[in-house]
């Protein structure tokens, strides 16, 4: 069985290609969207209860 050696980089990578500000903005938008979706579904369920219930 052949033994392989891991590649060593001469210089460490200190920069990240990810834009953290944009990531936070997107995540916060997602959380707000989920929160309002849950509120909307709850209101819809209450309305449907009174409409469908004889």
C-alpha atoms as a PDB file:
ATOM      1  CA  UNK A   1       0.000   0.000   0.000  1.00  0.00           C
ATOM      2  CA  UNK A   2       1.376   3.361  -0.962  1.00  0.00           C
ATOM      3  CA  UNK A   3       1.841   5.979   1.696  1.00  0.00           C
ATOM      4  CA  UNK A   4       0.876   9.473   0.700  1.00  0.00           C
ATOM      5  CA  UNK A   5       2.029  12.626   2.356  1.00  0.00           C
ATOM      6  CA  UNK A   6      -0.341  15.529   2.893  1.00  0.00           C
ATOM      7  CA  UNK A   7       0.369  18.633   0.886  1.00  0.00           C
ATOM      8  CA  UNK A   8       1.859  21.446   2.892  1.00  0.00           C
ATOM      9  CA  UNK A   9       1.235  24.994   1.825  1.00  0.00           C
ATOM     10  CA  UNK A  10       4.130  27.355   2.153  1.00  0.00           C
ATOM     11  CA  UNK A  11       1.912  30.282   3.202  1.00  0.00           C
ATOM     12  CA  UNK A  12      -1.245  29.996   5.281  1.00  0.00           C
ATOM     13  CA  UNK A  13      -4.469  31.277   3.807  1.00  0.00           C
ATOM     14  CA  UNK A  14      -5.528  34.203   5.988  1.00  0.00           C
ATOM     15  CA  UNK A  15      -8.256  35.666   3.807  1.00  0.00           C
ATOM     16  CA  UNK A  16     -11.736  34.328   3.363  1.00  0.00           C
ATOM     17  CA  UNK A  17     -13.630  34.669   0.114  1.00  0.00           C
ATOM     18  CA  UNK A  18     -16.880  34.862   2.059  1.00  0.00           C
ATOM     19  CA  UNK A  19     -18.572  38.214   2.555  1.00  0.00           C
ATOM     20  CA  UNK A  20     -19.671  38.006   6.190  1.00  0.00           C
ATOM     21  CA  UNK A  21     -21.779  41.170   6.111  1.00  0.00           C
ATOM     22  CA  UNK A  22     -23.789  39.835   3.175  1.00  0.00           C
ATOM     23  CA  UNK A  23     -24.064  36.445   4.873  1.00  0.00           C
ATOM     24  CA  UNK A  24     -25.482  38.032   8.036  1.00  0.00           C
ATOM     25  CA  UNK A  25     -27.938  40.120   6.006  1.00  0.00           C
ATOM     26  CA  UNK A  26     -29.162  37.067   4.100  1.00  0.00           C
ATOM     27  CA  UNK A  27     -29.499  34.988   7.266  1.00  0.00           C
ATOM     28  CA  UNK A  28     -31.435  37.718   9.054  1.00  0.00           C
ATOM     29  CA  UNK A  29     -33.756  38.058   6.059  1.00  0.00           C
ATOM     30  CA  UNK A  30     -34.348  34.309   6.087  1.00  0.00           C
ATOM     31  CA  UNK A  31     -35.160  34.306   9.808  1.00  0.00           C
ATOM     32  CA  UNK A  32     -37.573  37.226   9.417  1.00  0.00           C
ATOM     33  CA  UNK A  33     -39.246  35.487   6.472  1.00  0.00           C
ATOM     34  CA  UNK A  34     -39.721  32.264   8.433  1.00  0.00           C
ATOM     35  CA  UNK A  35     -41.066  34.183  11.432  1.00  0.00           C
ATOM     36  CA  UNK A  36     -43.664  36.038   9.354  1.00  0.00           C
ATOM     37  CA  UNK A  37     -44.615  32.835   7.539  1.00  0.00           C
ATOM     38  CA  UNK A  38     -45.358  31.162  10.866  1.00  0.00           C
ATOM     39  CA  UNK A  39     -47.431  34.169  11.988  1.00  0.00           C
ATOM     40  CA  UNK A  40     -49.362  34.123   8.714  1.00  0.00           C
ATOM     41  CA  UNK A  41     -50.081  30.401   8.924  1.00  0.00           C
ATOM     42  CA  UNK A  42     -51.276  30.763  12.528  1.00  0.00           C
ATOM     43  CA  UNK A  43     -53.664  33.583  11.571  1.00  0.00           C
ATOM     44  CA  UNK A  44     -54.880  31.594   8.579  1.00  0.00           C
ATOM     45  CA  UNK A  45     -55.581  28.583  10.791  1.00  0.00           C
ATOM     46  CA  UNK A  46     -57.625  30.698  13.217  1.00  0.00           C
ATOM     47  CA  UNK A  47     -59.617  32.229  10.344  1.00  0.00           C
ATOM     48  CA  UNK A  48     -60.224  28.813   8.768  1.00  0.00           C
ATOM     49  CA  UNK A  49     -61.362  27.420  12.123  1.00  0.00           C
ATOM     50  CA  UNK A  50     -64.133  30.015  12.326  1.00  0.00           C
ATOM     51  CA  UNK A  51     -65.073  29.725   8.655  1.00  0.00           C
ATOM     52  CA  UNK A  52     -65.194  25.921   8.471  1.00  0.00           C
ATOM     53  CA  UNK A  53     -66.573  25.254  11.965  1.00  0.00           C
ATOM     54  CA  UNK A  54     -70.409  25.285  11.781  1.00  0.00           C
END
